[in-house]
Amino acid sequence: MIKMGHRGADVIDIQARLKKLQKQDLEVDGYFGEQTLMAARNFQIEHGLIIDGIVGNQTRAVLTNLTDNDLLYLFIHCSASAPSAIHVTADWIKEYHMERRGWSRPGYSDVIELNGRIKNIYEYDHDGKVEKEEYTWGTRMLNRNARHICYVGGIDDDGEAKDTRTTAQKKALAAYVHTAIAYNPALIVVGHNQVQKKACPSFDVPQWLISCGVDTHNIALWNNNLKRI
């Protein structure tokens, strides 16, 4: 049972689903505090459940069922390639994932190339749902309710993590994020390094999003240890 004072991935999942259903400014930070308690109670009232603010098996089942295919997260990635590796394009990434690594689908839906061009490599629609044929393999968790965007770059010529985004890539990514949120106002934008111990996407996603004018209620406010930023 998930309740007041708990912290972790389960709390993130609950908060994101409550936020989507209740269309409120619930902060998704991985901590079950007063705000999450009230949201859970309101959900229980609305669906005729026991009103205790505790997300047990019954409340969790109803919550998950109602948001089963909902788009909840947008993950930002890098290709872990140096800007000098000009052969790394959107098509190359798709071929690398599916042909060389043998994945059934690529890691991302869209890729931002060095010139700022955004190319779709795995088709989806904009209905706010992630159907079984639409999701990609961007992380080890949360893929089923996520979309993934990757920019070409992310390391220097010595193989060290570095924010190599060109001006065109930064503009394209900012526009992409704002458009995604316009389609899905409850969307949570997350850096890959906030859920796994990786450098990807080689920059501080929350701080960059704030600098781009993204509301904090659309920003993942936790690090890869699921501690609040």
C-alpha atoms as a PDB file:
ATOM      1  CA  MET A   1       0.000   0.000   0.000  1.00  0.00           C
ATOM      2  CA  ILE A   2       1.288   3.444  -0.962  1.00  0.00           C
ATOM      3  CA  LYS A   3       0.477   6.146   1.555  1.00  0.00           C
ATOM      4  CA  MET A   4       1.493   9.410   3.207  1.00  0.00           C
ATOM      5  CA  GLY A   5       5.268   9.673   3.640  1.00  0.00           C
ATOM      6  CA  HIS A   6       6.207   7.111   0.984  1.00  0.00           C
ATOM      7  CA  ARG A   7       8.714   7.983  -1.741  1.00  0.00           C
ATOM      8  CA  GLY A   8       9.763   6.274  -4.971  1.00  0.00           C
ATOM      9  CA  ALA A   9       8.838   5.111  -8.453  1.00  0.00           C
ATOM     10  CA  ASP A  10       5.415   3.821  -7.365  1.00  0.00           C
ATOM     11  CA  VAL A  11       4.557   7.281  -6.040  1.00  0.00           C
ATOM     12  CA  ILE A  12       5.656   8.872  -9.319  1.00  0.00           C
ATOM     13  CA  ASP A  13       3.410   6.478 -11.226  1.00  0.00           C
ATOM     14  CA  ILE A  14       0.435   7.239  -8.961  1.00  0.00           C
ATOM     15  CA  GLN A  15       0.985  11.010  -9.120  1.00  0.00           C
ATOM     16  CA  ALA A  16       1.249  11.035 -12.912  1.00  0.00           C
ATOM     17  CA  ARG A  17      -1.976   9.048 -13.282  1.00  0.00           C
ATOM     18  CA  LEU A  18      -3.869  11.192 -10.760  1.00  0.00           C
ATOM     19  CA  LYS A  19      -2.605  14.325 -12.497  1.00  0.00           C
ATOM     20  CA  LYS A  20      -3.816  13.033 -15.874  1.00  0.00           C
ATOM     21  CA  LEU A  21      -7.287  12.092 -14.632  1.00  0.00           C
ATOM     22  CA  GLN A  22      -7.988  15.030 -12.343  1.00  0.00           C
ATOM     23  CA  LYS A  23      -6.501  17.709 -14.614  1.00  0.00           C
ATOM     24  CA  GLN A  24      -5.007  19.550 -11.668  1.00  0.00           C
ATOM     25  CA  ASP A  25      -1.614  21.031 -10.830  1.00  0.00           C
ATOM     26  CA  LEU A  26      -0.448  18.016  -8.860  1.00  0.00           C
ATOM     27  CA  GLU A  27       3.329  18.077  -8.552  1.00  0.00           C
ATOM     28  CA  VAL A  28       4.962  14.837  -9.658  1.00  0.00           C
ATOM     29  CA  ASP A  29       8.028  14.559  -7.444  1.00  0.00           C
ATOM     30  CA  GLY A  30       7.975  11.003  -6.098  1.00  0.00           C
ATOM     31  CA  TYR A  31       6.951  12.034  -2.575  1.00  0.00           C
ATOM     32  CA  PHE A  32       3.515  11.177  -1.152  1.00  0.00           C
ATOM     33  CA  GLY A  33       2.711  14.400   0.701  1.00  0.00           C
ATOM     34  CA  GLU A  34      -0.414  16.382   1.546  1.00  0.00           C
ATOM     35  CA  GLN A  35      -1.144  17.314  -2.065  1.00  0.00           C
ATOM     36  CA  THR A  36      -1.000  13.691  -3.219  1.00  0.00           C
ATOM     37  CA  LEU A  37      -3.094  12.629  -0.226  1.00  0.00           C
ATOM     38  CA  MET A  38      -5.874  15.051  -1.190  1.00  0.00           C
ATOM     39  CA  ALA A  39      -5.712  13.957  -4.839  1.00  0.00           C
ATOM     40  CA  ALA A  40      -5.998  10.297  -3.802  1.00  0.00           C
ATOM     41  CA  ARG A  41      -8.969  11.028  -1.559  1.00  0.00           C
ATOM     42  CA  ASN A  42     -10.728  13.013  -4.301  1.00  0.00           C
ATOM     43  CA  PHE A  43     -10.172  10.108  -6.690  1.00  0.00           C
ATOM     44  CA  GLN A  44     -11.619   7.656  -4.172  1.00  0.00           C
ATOM     45  CA  ILE A  45     -14.679   9.858  -3.631  1.00  0.00           C
ATOM     46  CA  GLU A  46     -15.240  10.171  -7.367  1.00  0.00           C
ATOM     47  CA  HIS A  47     -15.076   6.406  -7.945  1.00  0.00           C
ATOM     48  CA  GLY A  48     -16.901   5.114  -4.878  1.00  0.00           C
ATOM     49  CA  LEU A  49     -13.829   3.660  -3.196  1.00  0.00           C
ATOM     50  CA  ILE A  50     -12.878   3.582   0.489  1.00  0.00           C
ATOM     51  CA  ILE A  51     -11.892   7.153   1.310  1.00  0.00           C
ATOM     52  CA  ASP A  52      -8.663   6.809   3.265  1.00  0.00           C
ATOM     53  CA  GLY A  53      -6.097   8.468   0.995  1.00  0.00           C
ATOM     54  CA  ILE A  54      -4.165   5.195   0.832  1.00  0.00           C
ATOM     55  CA  VAL A  55      -3.492   3.740  -2.619  1.00  0.00           C
ATOM     56  CA  GLY A  56      -4.019   0.060  -1.973  1.00  0.00           C
ATOM     57  CA  ASN A  57      -4.782  -2.722  -4.436  1.00  0.00           C
ATOM     58  CA  GLN A  58      -8.337  -1.618  -5.250  1.00  0.00           C
ATOM     59  CA  THR A  59      -7.568   2.081  -5.712  1.00  0.00           C
ATOM     60  CA  ARG A  60      -4.420   1.266  -7.707  1.00  0.00           C
ATOM     61  CA  ALA A  61      -6.324  -1.116  -9.978  1.00  0.00           C
ATOM     62  CA  VAL A  62      -9.027   1.434 -10.816  1.00  0.00           C
ATOM     63  CA  LEU A  63      -6.436   4.177 -11.301  1.00  0.00           C
ATOM     64  CA  THR A  64      -4.280   2.043 -13.598  1.00  0.00           C
ATOM     65  CA  ASN A  65      -7.248   0.775 -15.603  1.00  0.00           C
ATOM     66  CA  LEU A  66      -8.484   4.306 -16.295  1.00  0.00           C
ATOM     67  CA  THR A  67      -5.062   5.450 -17.526  1.00  0.00           C
ATOM     68  CA  ASP A  68      -3.789   2.210 -19.052  1.00  0.00           C
ATOM     69  CA  ASN A  69      -2.698   3.628 -22.418  1.00  0.00           C
ATOM     70  CA  ASP A  70      -2.480   7.318 -21.519  1.00  0.00           C
ATOM     71  CA  LEU A  71       0.559   9.328 -22.543  1.00  0.00           C
ATOM     72  CA  LEU A  72       2.054  10.428 -19.213  1.00  0.00           C
ATOM     73  CA  TYR A  73       5.764  11.056 -19.891  1.00  0.00           C
ATOM     74  CA  LEU A  74       8.052  12.568 -22.512  1.00  0.00           C
ATOM     75  CA  PHE A  75      11.654  11.371 -22.149  1.00  0.00           C
ATOM     76  CA  ILE A  76      14.574  13.335 -23.568  1.00  0.00           C
ATOM     77  CA  HIS A  77      17.619  11.391 -24.811  1.00  0.00           C
ATOM     78  CA  CYS A  78      20.850  11.862 -26.749  1.00  0.00           C
ATOM     79  CA  SER A  79      22.378   9.489 -29.290  1.00  0.00           C
ATOM     80  CA  ALA A  80      25.722   9.395 -27.402  1.00  0.00           C
ATOM     81  CA  SER A  81      27.599  10.386 -30.547  1.00  0.00           C
ATOM     82  CA  ALA A  82      30.071  13.199 -31.177  1.00  0.00           C
ATOM     83  CA  PRO A  83      29.097  16.091 -33.492  1.00  0.00           C
ATOM     84  CA  SER A  84      31.939  14.992 -35.799  1.00  0.00           C
ATOM     85  CA  ALA A  85      30.119  11.680 -36.387  1.00  0.00           C
ATOM     86  CA  ILE A  86      28.076  13.121 -39.238  1.00  0.00           C
ATOM     87  CA  HIS A  87      26.933   9.657 -40.318  1.00  0.00           C
ATOM     88  CA  VAL A  88      24.650   9.541 -37.250  1.00  0.00           C
ATOM     89  CA  THR A  89      21.236  10.542 -38.545  1.00  0.00           C
ATOM     90  CA  ALA A  90      17.683   9.638 -37.628  1.00  0.00           C
ATOM     91  CA  ASP A  91      17.649   6.839 -40.197  1.00  0.00           C
ATOM     92  CA  TRP A  92      21.022   5.545 -38.975  1.00  0.00           C
ATOM     93  CA  ILE A  93      19.734   5.387 -35.379  1.00  0.00           C
ATOM     94  CA  LYS A  94      16.656   3.431 -36.431  1.00  0.00           C
ATOM     95  CA  GLU A  95      18.784   0.998 -38.437  1.00  0.00           C
ATOM     96  CA  TYR A  96      21.272   0.633 -35.574  1.00  0.00           C
ATOM     97  CA  HIS A  97      18.558  -0.209 -33.051  1.00  0.00           C
ATOM     98  CA  MET A  98      16.493  -2.540 -35.200  1.00  0.00           C
ATOM     99  CA  GLU A  99      19.027  -4.164 -37.515  1.00  0.00           C
ATOM    100  CA  ARG A 100      22.292  -4.179 -35.582  1.00  0.00           C
ATOM    101  CA  ARG A 101      20.896  -4.580 -32.056  1.00  0.00           C
ATOM    102  CA  GLY A 102      17.907  -6.670 -33.112  1.00  0.00           C
ATOM    103  CA  TRP A 103      15.244  -4.649 -31.305  1.00  0.00           C
ATOM    104  CA  SER A 104      11.673  -5.014 -32.509  1.00  0.00           C
ATOM    105  CA  ARG A 105      11.301  -1.222 -32.452  1.00  0.00           C
ATOM    106  CA  PRO A 106      13.706   1.709 -32.004  1.00  0.00           C
ATOM    107  CA  GLY A 107      14.423   3.490 -28.750  1.00  0.00           C
ATOM    108  CA  TYR A 108      12.767   6.740 -29.811  1.00  0.00           C
ATOM    109  CA  SER A 109       9.787   8.000 -31.756  1.00  0.00           C
ATOM    110  CA  ASP A 110      11.512  11.159 -33.015  1.00  0.00           C
ATOM    111  CA  VAL A 111      15.089  12.301 -33.575  1.00  0.00           C
ATOM    112  CA  ILE A 112      16.490  15.843 -33.844  1.00  0.00           C
ATOM    113  CA  GLU A 113      19.379  15.878 -36.302  1.00  0.00           C
ATOM    114  CA  LEU A 114      22.351  18.259 -36.090  1.00  0.00           C
ATOM    115  CA  ASN A 115      20.676  20.855 -38.317  1.00  0.00           C
ATOM    116  CA  GLY A 116      17.586  20.947 -36.090  1.00  0.00           C
ATOM    117  CA  ARG A 117      15.440  18.818 -38.378  1.00  0.00           C
ATOM    118  CA  ILE A 118      12.981  16.643 -36.438  1.00  0.00           C
ATOM    119  CA  LYS A 119      12.400  13.276 -38.068  1.00  0.00           C
ATOM    120  CA  ASN A 120       9.837  10.710 -36.998  1.00  0.00           C
ATOM    121  CA  ILE A 121      11.272   7.169 -37.049  1.00  0.00           C
ATOM    122  CA  TYR A 122       8.400   5.308 -35.370  1.00  0.00           C
ATOM    123  CA  GLU A 123       4.878   6.357 -36.223  1.00  0.00           C
ATOM    124  CA  TYR A 124       2.283   7.514 -33.697  1.00  0.00           C
ATOM    125  CA  ASP A 125      -0.717   9.812 -33.589  1.00  0.00           C
ATOM    126  CA  HIS A 126      -1.521  12.737 -31.281  1.00  0.00           C
ATOM    127  CA  ASP A 127      -4.567  11.351 -29.491  1.00  0.00           C
ATOM    128  CA  GLY A 128      -2.896  11.296 -26.060  1.00  0.00           C
ATOM    129  CA  LYS A 129      -2.770   7.493 -26.034  1.00  0.00           C
ATOM    130  CA  VAL A 130       0.217   5.170 -26.382  1.00  0.00           C
ATOM    131  CA  GLU A 131      -1.123   2.144 -28.188  1.00  0.00           C
ATOM    132  CA  LYS A 132       0.750  -1.158 -28.164  1.00  0.00           C
ATOM    133  CA  GLU A 133       2.038  -0.543 -31.670  1.00  0.00           C
ATOM    134  CA  GLU A 134       3.264   2.991 -30.832  1.00  0.00           C
ATOM    135  CA  TYR A 135       5.630   2.795 -27.864  1.00  0.00           C
ATOM    136  CA  THR A 136       9.416   2.528 -28.147  1.00  0.00           C
ATOM    137  CA  TRP A 137      12.290   1.150 -26.038  1.00  0.00           C
ATOM    138  CA  GLY A 138      13.697   4.385 -24.595  1.00  0.00           C
ATOM    139  CA  THR A 139      14.123   3.345 -20.934  1.00  0.00           C
ATOM    140  CA  ARG A 140      13.969   0.282 -18.743  1.00  0.00           C
ATOM    141  CA  MET A 141      10.826   1.622 -17.101  1.00  0.00           C
ATOM    142  CA  LEU A 142       7.685   3.597 -17.970  1.00  0.00           C
ATOM    143  CA  ASN A 143       7.870   2.948 -21.749  1.00  0.00           C
ATOM    144  CA  ARG A 144       4.247   1.860 -21.900  1.00  0.00           C
ATOM    145  CA  ASN A 145       3.027   5.371 -21.022  1.00  0.00           C
ATOM    146  CA  ALA A 146       5.812   7.373 -22.643  1.00  0.00           C
ATOM    147  CA  ARG A 147       7.077   9.022 -25.795  1.00  0.00           C
ATOM    148  CA  HIS A 148      10.835   9.397 -26.444  1.00  0.00           C
ATOM    149  CA  ILE A 149      12.717  12.165 -28.292  1.00  0.00           C
ATOM    150  CA  CYS A 150      16.466  12.018 -29.025  1.00  0.00           C
ATOM    151  CA  TYR A 151      18.919  14.655 -30.231  1.00  0.00           C
ATOM    152  CA  VAL A 152      21.975  13.601 -32.238  1.00  0.00           C
ATOM    153  CA  GLY A 153      25.040  14.238 -30.075  1.00  0.00           C
ATOM    154  CA  GLY A 154      25.690  14.108 -26.350  1.00  0.00           C
ATOM    155  CA  ILE A 155      29.412  13.266 -26.175  1.00  0.00           C
ATOM    156  CA  ASP A 156      32.619  14.990 -27.237  1.00  0.00           C
ATOM    157  CA  ASP A 157      35.332  13.527 -29.494  1.00  0.00           C
ATOM    158  CA  ASP A 158      36.945  11.880 -26.464  1.00  0.00           C
ATOM    159  CA  GLY A 159      33.750  10.019 -25.625  1.00  0.00           C
ATOM    160  CA  GLU A 160      32.924  12.138 -22.568  1.00  0.00           C
ATOM    161  CA  ALA A 161      29.367  13.257 -21.848  1.00  0.00           C
ATOM    162  CA  LYS A 162      28.797  16.798 -23.115  1.00  0.00           C
ATOM    163  CA  ASP A 163      25.835  18.928 -24.094  1.00  0.00           C
ATOM    164  CA  THR A 164      26.600  19.254 -27.791  1.00  0.00           C
ATOM    165  CA  ARG A 165      23.211  20.556 -28.895  1.00  0.00           C
ATOM    166  CA  THR A 166      23.453  23.052 -31.698  1.00  0.00           C
ATOM    167  CA  THR A 167      21.422  26.249 -31.558  1.00  0.00           C
ATOM    168  CA  ALA A 168      19.076  24.704 -34.108  1.00  0.00           C
ATOM    169  CA  GLN A 169      18.667  21.569 -31.991  1.00  0.00           C
ATOM    170  CA  LYS A 170      17.903  23.585 -28.855  1.00  0.00           C
ATOM    171  CA  LYS A 171      15.242  25.592 -30.682  1.00  0.00           C
ATOM    172  CA  ALA A 172      13.735  22.444 -32.188  1.00  0.00           C
ATOM    173  CA  LEU A 173      13.668  20.611 -28.847  1.00  0.00           C
ATOM    174  CA  ALA A 174      12.071  23.562 -27.039  1.00  0.00           C
ATOM    175  CA  ALA A 175       9.376  23.813 -29.714  1.00  0.00           C
ATOM    176  CA  TYR A 176       8.837  20.045 -29.573  1.00  0.00           C
ATOM    177  CA  VAL A 177       8.376  20.073 -25.792  1.00  0.00           C
ATOM    178  CA  HIS A 178       5.964  23.023 -25.817  1.00  0.00           C
ATOM    179  CA  THR A 179       3.928  21.418 -28.608  1.00  0.00           C
ATOM    180  CA  ALA A 180       3.791  18.090 -26.779  1.00  0.00           C
ATOM    181  CA  ILE A 181       2.508  19.808 -23.631  1.00  0.00           C
ATOM    182  CA  ALA A 182      -0.066  21.756 -25.649  1.00  0.00           C
ATOM    183  CA  TYR A 183      -1.448  18.423 -26.902  1.00  0.00           C
ATOM    184  CA  ASN A 184      -1.242  16.824 -23.427  1.00  0.00           C
ATOM    185  CA  PRO A 185      -1.375  19.422 -20.611  1.00  0.00           C
ATOM    186  CA  ALA A 186      -0.624  16.851 -17.860  1.00  0.00           C
ATOM    187  CA  LEU A 187       2.527  15.588 -19.622  1.00  0.00           C
ATOM    188  CA  ILE A 188       5.668  15.149 -17.471  1.00  0.00           C
ATOM    189  CA  VAL A 189       8.973  15.832 -19.254  1.00  0.00           C
ATOM    190  CA  VAL A 190      11.892  13.732 -17.993  1.00  0.00           C
ATOM    191  CA  GLY A 191      15.610  13.403 -18.739  1.00  0.00           C
ATOM    192  CA  HIS A 192      16.790   9.829 -19.284  1.00  0.00           C
ATOM    193  CA  ASN A 193      19.378  10.358 -16.517  1.00  0.00           C
ATOM    194  CA  GLN A 194      16.561  11.036 -14.046  1.00  0.00           C
ATOM    195  CA  VAL A 195      15.386   7.413 -14.121  1.00  0.00           C
ATOM    196  CA  GLN A 196      18.613   5.527 -14.851  1.00  0.00           C
ATOM    197  CA  LYS A 197      22.250   5.984 -13.830  1.00  0.00           C
ATOM    198  CA  LYS A 198      23.280   7.364 -17.211  1.00  0.00           C
ATOM    199  CA  ALA A 199      24.654  10.677 -18.447  1.00  0.00           C
ATOM    200  CA  CYS A 200      22.075  10.804 -21.256  1.00  0.00           C
ATOM    201  CA  PRO A 201      20.982  13.382 -22.400  1.00  0.00           C
ATOM    202  CA  SER A 202      24.123  15.102 -21.058  1.00  0.00           C
ATOM    203  CA  PHE A 203      22.434  18.212 -19.685  1.00  0.00           C
ATOM    204  CA  ASP A 204      20.286  19.222 -16.726  1.00  0.00           C
ATOM    205  CA  VAL A 205      16.815  18.707 -18.165  1.00  0.00           C
ATOM    206  CA  PRO A 206      14.767  20.321 -15.337  1.00  0.00           C
ATOM    207  CA  GLN A 207      16.878  23.503 -15.287  1.00  0.00           C
ATOM    208  CA  TRP A 208      16.856  23.780 -19.072  1.00  0.00           C
ATOM    209  CA  LEU A 209      13.080  23.318 -19.217  1.00  0.00           C
ATOM    210  CA  ILE A 210      12.612  26.074 -16.634  1.00  0.00           C
ATOM    211  CA  SER A 211      14.823  28.373 -18.742  1.00  0.00           C
ATOM    212  CA  CYS A 212      12.558  27.614 -21.716  1.00  0.00           C
ATOM    213  CA  GLY A 213       9.455  28.712 -19.827  1.00  0.00           C
ATOM    214  CA  VAL A 214       8.032  25.242 -19.181  1.00  0.00           C
ATOM    215  CA  ASP A 215       5.804  25.165 -16.089  1.00  0.00           C
ATOM    216  CA  THR A 216       7.289  23.177 -13.216  1.00  0.00           C
ATOM    217  CA  HIS A 217       4.126  21.065 -13.093  1.00  0.00           C
ATOM    218  CA  ASN A 218       5.240  19.594 -16.432  1.00  0.00           C
ATOM    219  CA  ILE A 219       8.793  18.919 -15.253  1.00  0.00           C
ATOM    220  CA  ALA A 220      10.089  15.798 -13.506  1.00  0.00           C
ATOM    221  CA  LEU A 221      11.384  17.095 -10.172  1.00  0.00           C
ATOM    222  CA  TRP A 222      13.418  14.079  -9.081  1.00  0.00           C
ATOM    223  CA  ASN A 223      16.878  12.634  -9.741  1.00  0.00           C
ATOM    224  CA  ASN A 224      17.882   9.069 -10.613  1.00  0.00           C
ATOM    225  CA  ASN A 225      17.736   8.114  -6.934  1.00  0.00           C
ATOM    226  CA  LEU A 226      14.119   9.328  -6.919  1.00  0.00           C
ATOM    227  CA  LYS A 227      14.948  12.155  -4.564  1.00  0.00           C
ATOM    228  CA  ARG A 228      13.278  15.525  -5.055  1.00  0.00           C
ATOM    229  CA  ILE A 229      15.305  18.154  -6.914  1.00  0.00           C
END
